[in-house]
Amino acid sequence: MVALGLLLARIGYGELEAFDAAVPEWTVMLLLTGGLLVAMLGVTGMLGLLGWLPRVGER
């Protein structure tokens, strides 16, 4: 999920740099914000899974 989010954000950023394309501005903004949101949700999910790991050295 993190990689997918970063890929979406990168596509949006690429369209922002090449703004002479026929892509509307709201599509670029949707790709950027949606991609970063998906990546953030993926990181949050991975951190939640790390809570299930037993900690070494604690009693």
PDB file of N, CA and C in Angstrom:
ATOM      1  N   MET A   1       0.809  -1.191   0.000  1.00  0.00           N
ATOM      2  CA  MET A   1       0.000   0.000   0.000  1.00  0.00           C
ATOM      3  C   MET A   1       0.855   1.258   0.000  1.00  0.00           C
ATOM      4  N   VAL A   2       1.963   1.176   0.698  1.00  0.00           N
ATOM      5  CA  VAL A   2       2.843   2.347   0.743  1.00  0.00           C
ATOM      6  C   VAL A   2       3.398   2.626  -0.651  1.00  0.00           C
ATOM      7  N   ALA A   3       3.834   1.584  -1.327  1.00  0.00           N
ATOM      8  CA  ALA A   3       4.399   1.760  -2.667  1.00  0.00           C
ATOM      9  C   ALA A   3       3.338   2.272  -3.648  1.00  0.00           C
ATOM     10  N   LEU A   4       2.115   1.783  -3.527  1.00  0.00           N
ATOM     11  CA  LEU A   4       1.039   2.249  -4.401  1.00  0.00           C
ATOM     12  C   LEU A   4       0.757   3.730  -4.161  1.00  0.00           C
ATOM     13  N   GLY A   5       0.719   4.138  -2.902  1.00  0.00           N
ATOM     14  CA  GLY A   5       0.486   5.540  -2.588  1.00  0.00           C
ATOM     15  C   GLY A   5       1.585   6.442  -3.113  1.00  0.00           C
ATOM     16  N   LEU A   6       2.831   6.002  -2.953  1.00  0.00           N
ATOM     17  CA  LEU A   6       3.935   6.807  -3.457  1.00  0.00           C
ATOM     18  C   LEU A   6       3.945   6.857  -4.976  1.00  0.00           C
ATOM     19  N   LEU A   7       3.517   5.771  -5.617  1.00  0.00           N
ATOM     20  CA  LEU A   7       3.419   5.769  -7.072  1.00  0.00           C
ATOM     21  C   LEU A   7       2.344   6.746  -7.548  1.00  0.00           C
ATOM     22  N   LEU A   8       1.197   6.752  -6.889  1.00  0.00           N
ATOM     23  CA  LEU A   8       0.134   7.701  -7.255  1.00  0.00           C
ATOM     24  C   LEU A   8       0.590   9.138  -7.069  1.00  0.00           C
ATOM     25  N   ALA A   9       1.276   9.405  -5.956  1.00  0.00           N
ATOM     26  CA  ALA A   9       1.763  10.765  -5.716  1.00  0.00           C
ATOM     27  C   ALA A   9       2.804  11.161  -6.752  1.00  0.00           C
ATOM     28  N   ARG A  10       3.639  10.221  -7.154  1.00  0.00           N
ATOM     29  CA  ARG A  10       4.667  10.523  -8.154  1.00  0.00           C
ATOM     30  C   ARG A  10       4.038  10.811  -9.520  1.00  0.00           C
ATOM     31  N   ILE A  11       3.004  10.060  -9.862  1.00  0.00           N
ATOM     32  CA  ILE A  11       2.302  10.323 -11.127  1.00  0.00           C
ATOM     33  C   ILE A  11       1.679  11.724 -11.096  1.00  0.00           C
ATOM     34  N   GLY A  12       1.073  12.072  -9.961  1.00  0.00           N
ATOM     35  CA  GLY A  12       0.497  13.406  -9.830  1.00  0.00           C
ATOM     36  C   GLY A  12       1.540  14.497  -9.899  1.00  0.00           C
ATOM     37  N   TYR A  13       2.693  14.260  -9.278  1.00  0.00           N
ATOM     38  CA  TYR A  13       3.760  15.261  -9.311  1.00  0.00           C
ATOM     39  C   TYR A  13       4.337  15.392 -10.715  1.00  0.00           C
ATOM     40  N   GLY A  14       4.421  14.276 -11.426  1.00  0.00           N
ATOM     41  CA  GLY A  14       4.891  14.324 -12.812  1.00  0.00           C
ATOM     42  C   GLY A  14       3.948  15.108 -13.701  1.00  0.00           C
ATOM     43  N   GLU A  15       2.647  14.942 -13.484  1.00  0.00           N
ATOM     44  CA  GLU A  15       1.670  15.722 -14.243  1.00  0.00           C
ATOM     45  C   GLU A  15       1.717  17.194 -13.860  1.00  0.00           C
ATOM     46  N   LEU A  16       2.081  17.491 -12.625  1.00  0.00           N
ATOM     47  CA  LEU A  16       2.184  18.881 -12.186  1.00  0.00           C
ATOM     48  C   LEU A  16       3.359  19.573 -12.868  1.00  0.00           C
ATOM     49  N   GLU A  17       4.466  18.840 -13.026  1.00  0.00           N
ATOM     50  CA  GLU A  17       5.631  19.422 -13.692  1.00  0.00           C
ATOM     51  C   GLU A  17       5.368  19.629 -15.181  1.00  0.00           C
ATOM     52  N   ALA A  18       4.698  18.683 -15.824  1.00  0.00           N
ATOM     53  CA  ALA A  18       4.374  18.797 -17.246  1.00  0.00           C
ATOM     54  C   ALA A  18       2.941  19.292 -17.371  1.00  0.00           C
ATOM     55  N   PHE A  19       2.710  20.514 -16.940  1.00  0.00           N
ATOM     56  CA  PHE A  19       1.342  21.021 -16.826  1.00  0.00           C
ATOM     57  C   PHE A  19       0.727  21.364 -18.173  1.00  0.00           C
ATOM     58  N   ASP A  20       1.489  21.248 -19.268  1.00  0.00           N
ATOM     59  CA  ASP A  20       0.908  21.510 -20.578  1.00  0.00           C
ATOM     60  C   ASP A  20       0.051  20.339 -21.058  1.00  0.00           C
ATOM     61  N   ALA A  21      -0.029  19.275 -20.253  1.00  0.00           N
ATOM     62  CA  ALA A  21      -0.868  18.132 -20.618  1.00  0.00           C
ATOM     63  C   ALA A  21      -2.348  18.501 -20.475  1.00  0.00           C
ATOM     64  N   ALA A  22      -3.200  17.647 -20.982  1.00  0.00           N
ATOM     65  CA  ALA A  22      -4.629  17.923 -20.986  1.00  0.00           C
ATOM     66  C   ALA A  22      -5.315  17.426 -19.712  1.00  0.00           C
ATOM     67  N   VAL A  23      -4.557  17.293 -18.635  1.00  0.00           N
ATOM     68  CA  VAL A  23      -5.112  16.810 -17.371  1.00  0.00           C
ATOM     69  C   VAL A  23      -5.595  18.010 -16.560  1.00  0.00           C
ATOM     70  N   PRO A  24      -6.831  17.977 -16.064  1.00  0.00           N
ATOM     71  CA  PRO A  24      -7.327  19.101 -15.250  1.00  0.00           C
ATOM     72  C   PRO A  24      -6.565  19.235 -13.932  1.00  0.00           C
ATOM     73  N   GLU A  25      -6.618  20.432 -13.373  1.00  0.00           N
ATOM     74  CA  GLU A  25      -5.885  20.706 -12.130  1.00  0.00           C
ATOM     75  C   GLU A  25      -6.394  19.867 -10.967  1.00  0.00           C
ATOM     76  N   TRP A  26      -7.698  19.627 -10.911  1.00  0.00           N
ATOM     77  CA  TRP A  26      -8.246  18.859  -9.796  1.00  0.00           C
ATOM     78  C   TRP A  26      -7.793  17.406  -9.846  1.00  0.00           C
ATOM     79  N   THR A  27      -7.507  16.884 -11.046  1.00  0.00           N
ATOM     80  CA  THR A  27      -7.008  15.511 -11.156  1.00  0.00           C
ATOM     81  C   THR A  27      -5.607  15.411 -10.571  1.00  0.00           C
ATOM     82  N   VAL A  28      -4.786  16.417 -10.852  1.00  0.00           N
ATOM     83  CA  VAL A  28      -3.432  16.431 -10.295  1.00  0.00           C
ATOM     84  C   VAL A  28      -3.486  16.514  -8.770  1.00  0.00           C
ATOM     85  N   MET A  29      -4.340  17.370  -8.249  1.00  0.00           N
ATOM     86  CA  MET A  29      -4.470  17.511  -6.805  1.00  0.00           C
ATOM     87  C   MET A  29      -5.003  16.227  -6.177  1.00  0.00           C
ATOM     88  N   LEU A  30      -5.940  15.573  -6.855  1.00  0.00           N
ATOM     89  CA  LEU A  30      -6.484  14.309  -6.364  1.00  0.00           C
ATOM     90  C   LEU A  30      -5.414  13.231  -6.326  1.00  0.00           C
ATOM     91  N   LEU A  31      -4.578  13.161  -7.357  1.00  0.00           N
ATOM     92  CA  LEU A  31      -3.503  12.173  -7.369  1.00  0.00           C
ATOM     93  C   LEU A  31      -2.491  12.432  -6.264  1.00  0.00           C
ATOM     94  N   LEU A  32      -2.134  13.695  -6.058  1.00  0.00           N
ATOM     95  CA  LEU A  32      -1.152  14.024  -5.023  1.00  0.00           C
ATOM     96  C   LEU A  32      -1.679  13.732  -3.623  1.00  0.00           C
ATOM     97  N   THR A  33      -2.836  14.263  -3.311  1.00  0.00           N
ATOM     98  CA  THR A  33      -3.359  14.079  -1.955  1.00  0.00           C
ATOM     99  C   THR A  33      -3.806  12.643  -1.714  1.00  0.00           C
ATOM    100  N   GLY A  34      -4.416  12.030  -2.707  1.00  0.00           N
ATOM    101  CA  GLY A  34      -4.841  10.637  -2.557  1.00  0.00           C
ATOM    102  C   GLY A  34      -3.652   9.703  -2.404  1.00  0.00           C
ATOM    103  N   GLY A  35      -2.617   9.931  -3.190  1.00  0.00           N
ATOM    104  CA  GLY A  35      -1.425   9.089  -3.089  1.00  0.00           C
ATOM    105  C   GLY A  35      -0.739   9.209  -1.741  1.00  0.00           C
ATOM    106  N   LEU A  36      -0.607  10.421  -1.243  1.00  0.00           N
ATOM    107  CA  LEU A  36       0.025  10.607   0.063  1.00  0.00           C
ATOM    108  C   LEU A  36      -0.837  10.057   1.189  1.00  0.00           C
ATOM    109  N   LEU A  37      -2.154  10.152   1.048  1.00  0.00           N
ATOM    110  CA  LEU A  37      -3.052   9.599   2.060  1.00  0.00           C
ATOM    111  C   LEU A  37      -2.981   8.073   2.085  1.00  0.00           C
ATOM    112  N   VAL A  38      -2.942   7.452   0.918  1.00  0.00           N
ATOM    113  CA  VAL A  38      -2.835   5.991   0.853  1.00  0.00           C
ATOM    114  C   VAL A  38      -1.508   5.536   1.450  1.00  0.00           C
ATOM    115  N   ALA A  39      -0.427   6.242   1.159  1.00  0.00           N
ATOM    116  CA  ALA A  39       0.872   5.880   1.730  1.00  0.00           C
ATOM    117  C   ALA A  39       0.867   6.037   3.247  1.00  0.00           C
ATOM    118  N   MET A  40       0.235   7.085   3.745  1.00  0.00           N
ATOM    119  CA  MET A  40       0.167   7.296   5.187  1.00  0.00           C
ATOM    120  C   MET A  40      -0.665   6.207   5.864  1.00  0.00           C
ATOM    121  N   LEU A  41      -1.752   5.788   5.228  1.00  0.00           N
ATOM    122  CA  LEU A  41      -2.545   4.695   5.782  1.00  0.00           C
ATOM    123  C   LEU A  41      -1.760   3.386   5.783  1.00  0.00           C
ATOM    124  N   GLY A  42      -0.961   3.155   4.758  1.00  0.00           N
ATOM    125  CA  GLY A  42      -0.118   1.959   4.717  1.00  0.00           C
ATOM    126  C   GLY A  42       0.919   1.953   5.823  1.00  0.00           C
ATOM    127  N   VAL A  43       1.533   3.095   6.073  1.00  0.00           N
ATOM    128  CA  VAL A  43       2.520   3.188   7.162  1.00  0.00           C
ATOM    129  C   VAL A  43       1.844   2.975   8.511  1.00  0.00           C
ATOM    130  N   THR A  44       0.663   3.540   8.696  1.00  0.00           N
ATOM    131  CA  THR A  44      -0.075   3.354   9.948  1.00  0.00           C
ATOM    132  C   THR A  44      -0.426   1.891  10.155  1.00  0.00           C
ATOM    133  N   GLY A  45      -0.823   1.213   9.094  1.00  0.00           N
ATOM    134  CA  GLY A  45      -1.124  -0.206   9.189  1.00  0.00           C
ATOM    135  C   GLY A  45       0.093  -1.036   9.549  1.00  0.00           C
ATOM    136  N   MET A  46       1.235  -0.699   8.970  1.00  0.00           N
ATOM    137  CA  MET A  46       2.459  -1.439   9.301  1.00  0.00           C
ATOM    138  C   MET A  46       2.868  -1.209  10.745  1.00  0.00           C
ATOM    139  N   LEU A  47       2.700   0.010  11.232  1.00  0.00           N
ATOM    140  CA  LEU A  47       3.028   0.273  12.628  1.00  0.00           C
ATOM    141  C   LEU A  47       2.084  -0.462  13.566  1.00  0.00           C
ATOM    142  N   GLY A  48       0.831  -0.603  13.178  1.00  0.00           N
ATOM    143  CA  GLY A  48      -0.112  -1.370  13.981  1.00  0.00           C
ATOM    144  C   GLY A  48       0.258  -2.842  14.037  1.00  0.00           C
ATOM    145  N   LEU A  49       0.755  -3.369  12.940  1.00  0.00           N
ATOM    146  CA  LEU A  49       1.190  -4.766  12.932  1.00  0.00           C
ATOM    147  C   LEU A  49       2.433  -4.974  13.782  1.00  0.00           C
ATOM    148  N   LEU A  50       3.270  -3.950  13.886  1.00  0.00           N
ATOM    149  CA  LEU A  50       4.472  -4.085  14.702  1.00  0.00           C
ATOM    150  C   LEU A  50       4.140  -4.193  16.186  1.00  0.00           C
ATOM    151  N   GLY A  51       2.974  -3.731  16.597  1.00  0.00           N
ATOM    152  CA  GLY A  51       2.575  -3.829  17.997  1.00  0.00           C
ATOM    153  C   GLY A  51       2.323  -5.263  18.433  1.00  0.00           C
ATOM    154  N   TRP A  52       2.101  -6.159  17.484  1.00  0.00           N
ATOM    155  CA  TRP A  52       1.854  -7.557  17.825  1.00  0.00           C
ATOM    156  C   TRP A  52       3.142  -8.336  18.052  1.00  0.00           C
ATOM    157  N   LEU A  53       4.283  -7.775  17.660  1.00  0.00           N
ATOM    158  CA  LEU A  53       5.549  -8.474  17.834  1.00  0.00           C
ATOM    159  C   LEU A  53       5.963  -8.448  19.304  1.00  0.00           C
ATOM    160  N   PRO A  54       6.441  -9.567  19.816  1.00  0.00           N
ATOM    161  CA  PRO A  54       6.914  -9.555  21.201  1.00  0.00           C
ATOM    162  C   PRO A  54       8.210  -8.753  21.312  1.00  0.00           C
ATOM    163  N   ARG A  55       8.348  -8.041  22.401  1.00  0.00           N
ATOM    164  CA  ARG A  55       9.550  -7.231  22.607  1.00  0.00           C
ATOM    165  C   ARG A  55      10.617  -8.092  23.259  1.00  0.00           C
ATOM    166  N   VAL A  56      11.802  -7.988  22.752  1.00  0.00           N
ATOM    167  CA  VAL A  56      12.915  -8.799  23.250  1.00  0.00           C
ATOM    168  C   VAL A  56      13.535  -8.106  24.457  1.00  0.00           C
ATOM    169  N   GLY A  57      13.765  -8.840  25.498  1.00  0.00           N
ATOM    170  CA  GLY A  57      14.453  -8.303  26.666  1.00  0.00           C
ATOM    171  C   GLY A  57      13.536  -7.787  27.759  1.00  0.00           C
ATOM    172  N   GLU A  58      12.236  -7.719  27.534  1.00  0.00           N
ATOM    173  CA  GLU A  58      11.315  -7.247  28.565  1.00  0.00           C
ATOM    174  C   GLU A  58      10.755  -8.422  29.341  1.00  0.00           C
ATOM    175  N   ARG A  59      10.489  -8.206  30.605  1.00  0.00           N
ATOM    176  CA  ARG A  59       9.920  -9.260  31.436  1.00  0.00           C
ATOM    177  C   ARG A  59       8.592  -8.857  31.965  1.00  0.00           C
TER     178      ARG A  59
END
